[in-house]
Amino acid sequence: MRRTTSHRNFFPTNSGGSSAISASGSSESPPPPDDESTKKVRKTGIAKVVAENSIVIVAVLGCFMCVTVNGLMQKLGVNPKIVEVKEAEKTATLVQLAKIEDGSGGPWELPAVYIGGKLLGGVDKVMETHLNGEFVPMLRAAGAIWL
């Protein structure tokens, strides 16, 4: 005959079976969310990050060009928000980024650099605007640098 008891958290458990409360009194961690709930968070997450941060770099994890763009910004005194995605998630991320641009297209490749919530472009556009002397004024206008 099994006896039901209540622990501190008032959830009944069977005394003969395993309990969610360990011997030390701490509960086990909940299982990680399934892939579907993670994808739903990401769908709204990138758009939210772009809207809330003055400088955002959406990059592929370990991409050399992404590191180069970040390095340039760091040397200019900018601390951009970096959203790194895995190579397998790259296409889905590009589709999400295209939705941010309200039908005017989106980035075709990563890294995608957003300044003040607007898409600047990839590494080629960042380097072009920097060499033309337009990059630092853009960063100032977005409030990323002060000098």
C-alpha atoms as a PDB file:
ATOM      1  CA  MET A   1       0.000   0.000   0.000  1.00  0.00           C
ATOM      2  CA  ARG A   2       1.435   3.380  -1.040  1.00  0.00           C
ATOM      3  CA  ARG A   3       1.161   6.356   1.193  1.00  0.00           C
ATOM      4  CA  THR A   4       0.799   9.892  -0.209  1.00  0.00           C
ATOM      5  CA  THR A   5       2.656  12.704   1.562  1.00  0.00           C
ATOM      6  CA  SER A   6       2.997  16.424   0.973  1.00  0.00           C
ATOM      7  CA  HIS A   7       6.319  18.240   0.913  1.00  0.00           C
ATOM      8  CA  ARG A   8       7.015  21.878   1.597  1.00  0.00           C
ATOM      9  CA  ASN A   9       5.797  22.829  -1.830  1.00  0.00           C
ATOM     10  CA  PHE A  10       2.412  21.179  -1.106  1.00  0.00           C
ATOM     11  CA  PHE A  11       2.540  18.893  -4.153  1.00  0.00           C
ATOM     12  CA  PRO A  12       1.519  15.365  -3.218  1.00  0.00           C
ATOM     13  CA  THR A  13       3.988  12.605  -4.078  1.00  0.00           C
ATOM     14  CA  ASN A  14       4.018   8.894  -3.591  1.00  0.00           C
ATOM     15  CA  SER A  15       6.367   7.960  -0.800  1.00  0.00           C
ATOM     16  CA  GLY A  16       7.306   4.768  -2.619  1.00  0.00           C
ATOM     17  CA  GLY A  17       8.305   6.509  -5.860  1.00  0.00           C
ATOM     18  CA  SER A  18      10.717   9.201  -6.856  1.00  0.00           C
ATOM     19  CA  SER A  19      10.040  12.774  -5.855  1.00  0.00           C
ATOM     20  CA  ALA A  20      10.742  16.093  -7.533  1.00  0.00           C
ATOM     21  CA  ILE A  21      12.410  17.156  -4.296  1.00  0.00           C
ATOM     22  CA  SER A  22      15.889  15.775  -3.701  1.00  0.00           C
ATOM     23  CA  ALA A  23      17.291  14.777  -0.349  1.00  0.00           C
ATOM     24  CA  SER A  24      18.878  18.194   0.078  1.00  0.00           C
ATOM     25  CA  GLY A  25      15.480  19.868  -0.241  1.00  0.00           C
ATOM     26  CA  SER A  26      16.133  21.495  -3.607  1.00  0.00           C
ATOM     27  CA  SER A  27      13.944  20.814  -6.589  1.00  0.00           C
ATOM     28  CA  GLU A  28      15.238  19.457  -9.875  1.00  0.00           C
ATOM     29  CA  SER A  29      15.497  21.899 -12.729  1.00  0.00           C
ATOM     30  CA  PRO A  30      12.581  21.903 -15.155  1.00  0.00           C
ATOM     31  CA  PRO A  31      13.135  20.346 -18.558  1.00  0.00           C
ATOM     32  CA  PRO A  32      14.367  22.684 -21.289  1.00  0.00           C
ATOM     33  CA  PRO A  33      11.687  24.137 -23.565  1.00  0.00           C
ATOM     34  CA  ASP A  34      10.976  22.250 -26.751  1.00  0.00           C
ATOM     35  CA  ASP A  35      12.190  23.557 -30.085  1.00  0.00           C
ATOM     36  CA  GLU A  36       8.830  25.066 -31.045  1.00  0.00           C
ATOM     37  CA  SER A  37       8.669  27.386 -28.035  1.00  0.00           C
ATOM     38  CA  THR A  38      12.286  28.435 -28.597  1.00  0.00           C
ATOM     39  CA  LYS A  39      11.524  29.318 -32.225  1.00  0.00           C
ATOM     40  CA  LYS A  40       8.540  31.451 -31.154  1.00  0.00           C
ATOM     41  CA  VAL A  41      10.793  33.452 -28.824  1.00  0.00           C
ATOM     42  CA  ARG A  42      13.329  33.998 -31.590  1.00  0.00           C
ATOM     43  CA  LYS A  43      10.695  35.242 -34.020  1.00  0.00           C
ATOM     44  CA  THR A  44       9.927  38.211 -31.838  1.00  0.00           C
ATOM     45  CA  GLY A  45      13.342  38.347 -30.197  1.00  0.00           C
ATOM     46  CA  ILE A  46      15.455  39.636 -33.089  1.00  0.00           C
ATOM     47  CA  ALA A  47      12.981  42.365 -34.018  1.00  0.00           C
ATOM     48  CA  LYS A  48      12.835  43.427 -30.378  1.00  0.00           C
ATOM     49  CA  VAL A  49      16.631  43.493 -30.040  1.00  0.00           C
ATOM     50  CA  VAL A  50      16.975  45.597 -33.203  1.00  0.00           C
ATOM     51  CA  ALA A  51      14.344  48.055 -31.968  1.00  0.00           C
ATOM     52  CA  GLU A  52      15.788  48.406 -28.462  1.00  0.00           C
ATOM     53  CA  ASN A  53      19.516  48.768 -29.251  1.00  0.00           C
ATOM     54  CA  SER A  54      21.282  51.509 -31.172  1.00  0.00           C
ATOM     55  CA  ILE A  55      23.776  49.140 -32.830  1.00  0.00           C
ATOM     56  CA  VAL A  56      23.048  45.469 -33.546  1.00  0.00           C
ATOM     57  CA  ILE A  57      25.141  42.936 -35.420  1.00  0.00           C
ATOM     58  CA  VAL A  58      23.337  39.750 -36.414  1.00  0.00           C
ATOM     59  CA  ALA A  59      26.102  37.250 -37.023  1.00  0.00           C
ATOM     60  CA  VAL A  60      26.797  33.604 -37.693  1.00  0.00           C
ATOM     61  CA  LEU A  61      28.591  31.952 -34.799  1.00  0.00           C
ATOM     62  CA  GLY A  62      32.330  31.905 -35.532  1.00  0.00           C
ATOM     63  CA  CYS A  63      32.121  33.916 -38.780  1.00  0.00           C
ATOM     64  CA  PHE A  64      35.374  35.763 -39.509  1.00  0.00           C
ATOM     65  CA  MET A  65      33.658  38.685 -41.244  1.00  0.00           C
ATOM     66  CA  CYS A  66      31.310  39.097 -38.282  1.00  0.00           C
ATOM     67  CA  VAL A  67      34.325  39.267 -35.980  1.00  0.00           C
ATOM     68  CA  THR A  68      35.890  41.862 -38.302  1.00  0.00           C
ATOM     69  CA  VAL A  69      32.827  44.136 -38.184  1.00  0.00           C
ATOM     70  CA  ASN A  70      32.661  43.812 -34.400  1.00  0.00           C
ATOM     71  CA  GLY A  71      36.389  44.583 -34.145  1.00  0.00           C
ATOM     72  CA  LEU A  72      35.989  47.771 -36.193  1.00  0.00           C
ATOM     73  CA  MET A  73      33.178  48.939 -33.967  1.00  0.00           C
ATOM     74  CA  GLN A  74      35.110  48.120 -30.809  1.00  0.00           C
ATOM     75  CA  LYS A  75      38.074  50.174 -32.090  1.00  0.00           C
ATOM     76  CA  LEU A  76      35.715  53.107 -32.710  1.00  0.00           C
ATOM     77  CA  GLY A  77      34.483  52.856 -29.112  1.00  0.00           C
ATOM     78  CA  VAL A  78      31.139  51.236 -29.909  1.00  0.00           C
ATOM     79  CA  ASN A  79      29.810  48.293 -27.937  1.00  0.00           C
ATOM     80  CA  PRO A  80      27.267  46.734 -30.300  1.00  0.00           C
ATOM     81  CA  LYS A  81      24.650  44.203 -29.314  1.00  0.00           C
ATOM     82  CA  ILE A  82      25.578  40.946 -31.056  1.00  0.00           C
ATOM     83  CA  VAL A  83      22.992  38.317 -31.940  1.00  0.00           C
ATOM     84  CA  GLU A  84      24.783  35.122 -32.913  1.00  0.00           C
ATOM     85  CA  VAL A  85      22.970  32.337 -34.756  1.00  0.00           C
ATOM     86  CA  LYS A  86      24.105  28.880 -35.735  1.00  0.00           C
ATOM     87  CA  GLU A  87      24.836  28.110 -39.386  1.00  0.00           C
ATOM     88  CA  ALA A  88      21.759  25.857 -39.504  1.00  0.00           C
ATOM     89  CA  GLU A  89      19.537  28.777 -38.387  1.00  0.00           C
ATOM     90  CA  LYS A  90      20.977  31.276 -40.873  1.00  0.00           C
ATOM     91  CA  THR A  91      18.225  31.059 -43.517  1.00  0.00           C
ATOM     92  CA  ALA A  92      15.419  31.293 -40.960  1.00  0.00           C
ATOM     93  CA  THR A  93      17.127  34.294 -39.372  1.00  0.00           C
ATOM     94  CA  LEU A  94      17.447  36.058 -42.740  1.00  0.00           C
ATOM     95  CA  VAL A  95      13.716  35.524 -43.316  1.00  0.00           C
ATOM     96  CA  GLN A  96      12.952  37.045 -39.896  1.00  0.00           C
ATOM     97  CA  LEU A  97      15.203  40.008 -40.629  1.00  0.00           C
ATOM     98  CA  ALA A  98      13.469  40.590 -43.962  1.00  0.00           C
ATOM     99  CA  LYS A  99      10.164  40.943 -42.089  1.00  0.00           C
ATOM    100  CA  ILE A 100      11.640  43.777 -39.992  1.00  0.00           C
ATOM    101  CA  GLU A 101      12.276  45.864 -43.107  1.00  0.00           C
ATOM    102  CA  ASP A 102       8.557  46.204 -44.004  1.00  0.00           C
ATOM    103  CA  GLY A 103       8.781  44.710 -47.470  1.00  0.00           C
ATOM    104  CA  SER A 104      11.741  46.828 -48.567  1.00  0.00           C
ATOM    105  CA  GLY A 105      13.927  43.738 -48.599  1.00  0.00           C
ATOM    106  CA  GLY A 106      16.330  42.604 -46.013  1.00  0.00           C
ATOM    107  CA  PRO A 107      19.859  41.398 -45.670  1.00  0.00           C
ATOM    108  CA  TRP A 108      21.003  38.724 -48.108  1.00  0.00           C
ATOM    109  CA  GLU A 109      23.901  37.586 -45.999  1.00  0.00           C
ATOM    110  CA  LEU A 110      25.184  37.772 -42.442  1.00  0.00           C
ATOM    111  CA  PRO A 111      26.548  39.779 -40.746  1.00  0.00           C
ATOM    112  CA  ALA A 112      23.671  42.221 -40.891  1.00  0.00           C
ATOM    113  CA  VAL A 113      24.396  45.532 -39.194  1.00  0.00           C
ATOM    114  CA  TYR A 114      21.548  47.659 -37.850  1.00  0.00           C
ATOM    115  CA  ILE A 115      22.161  51.253 -36.800  1.00  0.00           C
ATOM    116  CA  GLY A 116      19.324  53.018 -35.025  1.00  0.00           C
ATOM    117  CA  GLY A 117      16.897  50.245 -35.951  1.00  0.00           C
ATOM    118  CA  LYS A 118      17.628  50.557 -39.692  1.00  0.00           C
ATOM    119  CA  LEU A 119      19.559  48.059 -41.772  1.00  0.00           C
ATOM    120  CA  LEU A 120      22.912  49.437 -42.904  1.00  0.00           C
ATOM    121  CA  GLY A 121      23.988  46.246 -44.645  1.00  0.00           C
ATOM    122  CA  GLY A 122      26.698  43.656 -44.434  1.00  0.00           C
ATOM    123  CA  VAL A 123      30.437  43.850 -44.048  1.00  0.00           C
ATOM    124  CA  ASP A 124      30.906  45.438 -47.485  1.00  0.00           C
ATOM    125  CA  LYS A 125      28.504  48.292 -46.721  1.00  0.00           C
ATOM    126  CA  VAL A 126      30.055  48.858 -43.278  1.00  0.00           C
ATOM    127  CA  MET A 127      33.552  49.105 -44.789  1.00  0.00           C
ATOM    128  CA  GLU A 128      32.333  51.319 -47.653  1.00  0.00           C
ATOM    129  CA  THR A 129      30.648  53.814 -45.327  1.00  0.00           C
ATOM    130  CA  HIS A 130      33.662  53.773 -43.012  1.00  0.00           C
ATOM    131  CA  LEU A 131      36.096  54.514 -45.853  1.00  0.00           C
ATOM    132  CA  ASN A 132      33.812  57.302 -47.138  1.00  0.00           C
ATOM    133  CA  GLY A 133      33.778  58.915 -43.696  1.00  0.00           C
ATOM    134  CA  GLU A 134      30.045  58.382 -43.234  1.00  0.00           C
ATOM    135  CA  PHE A 135      30.172  55.608 -40.644  1.00  0.00           C
ATOM    136  CA  VAL A 136      31.211  57.612 -37.574  1.00  0.00           C
ATOM    137  CA  PRO A 137      28.516  60.283 -38.152  1.00  0.00           C
ATOM    138  CA  MET A 138      25.936  57.469 -38.411  1.00  0.00           C
ATOM    139  CA  LEU A 139      27.131  56.070 -35.097  1.00  0.00           C
ATOM    140  CA  ARG A 140      26.939  59.527 -33.506  1.00  0.00           C
ATOM    141  CA  ALA A 141      23.407  60.065 -34.813  1.00  0.00           C
ATOM    142  CA  ALA A 142      22.346  56.719 -33.333  1.00  0.00           C
ATOM    143  CA  GLY A 143      23.835  57.672 -29.971  1.00  0.00           C
ATOM    144  CA  ALA A 144      26.446  54.917 -30.017  1.00  0.00           C
ATOM    145  CA  ILE A 145      29.413  57.288 -29.667  1.00  0.00           C
ATOM    146  CA  TRP A 146      29.680  60.833 -28.355  1.00  0.00           C
ATOM    147  CA  LEU A 147      32.994  62.177 -29.687  1.00  0.00           C
END
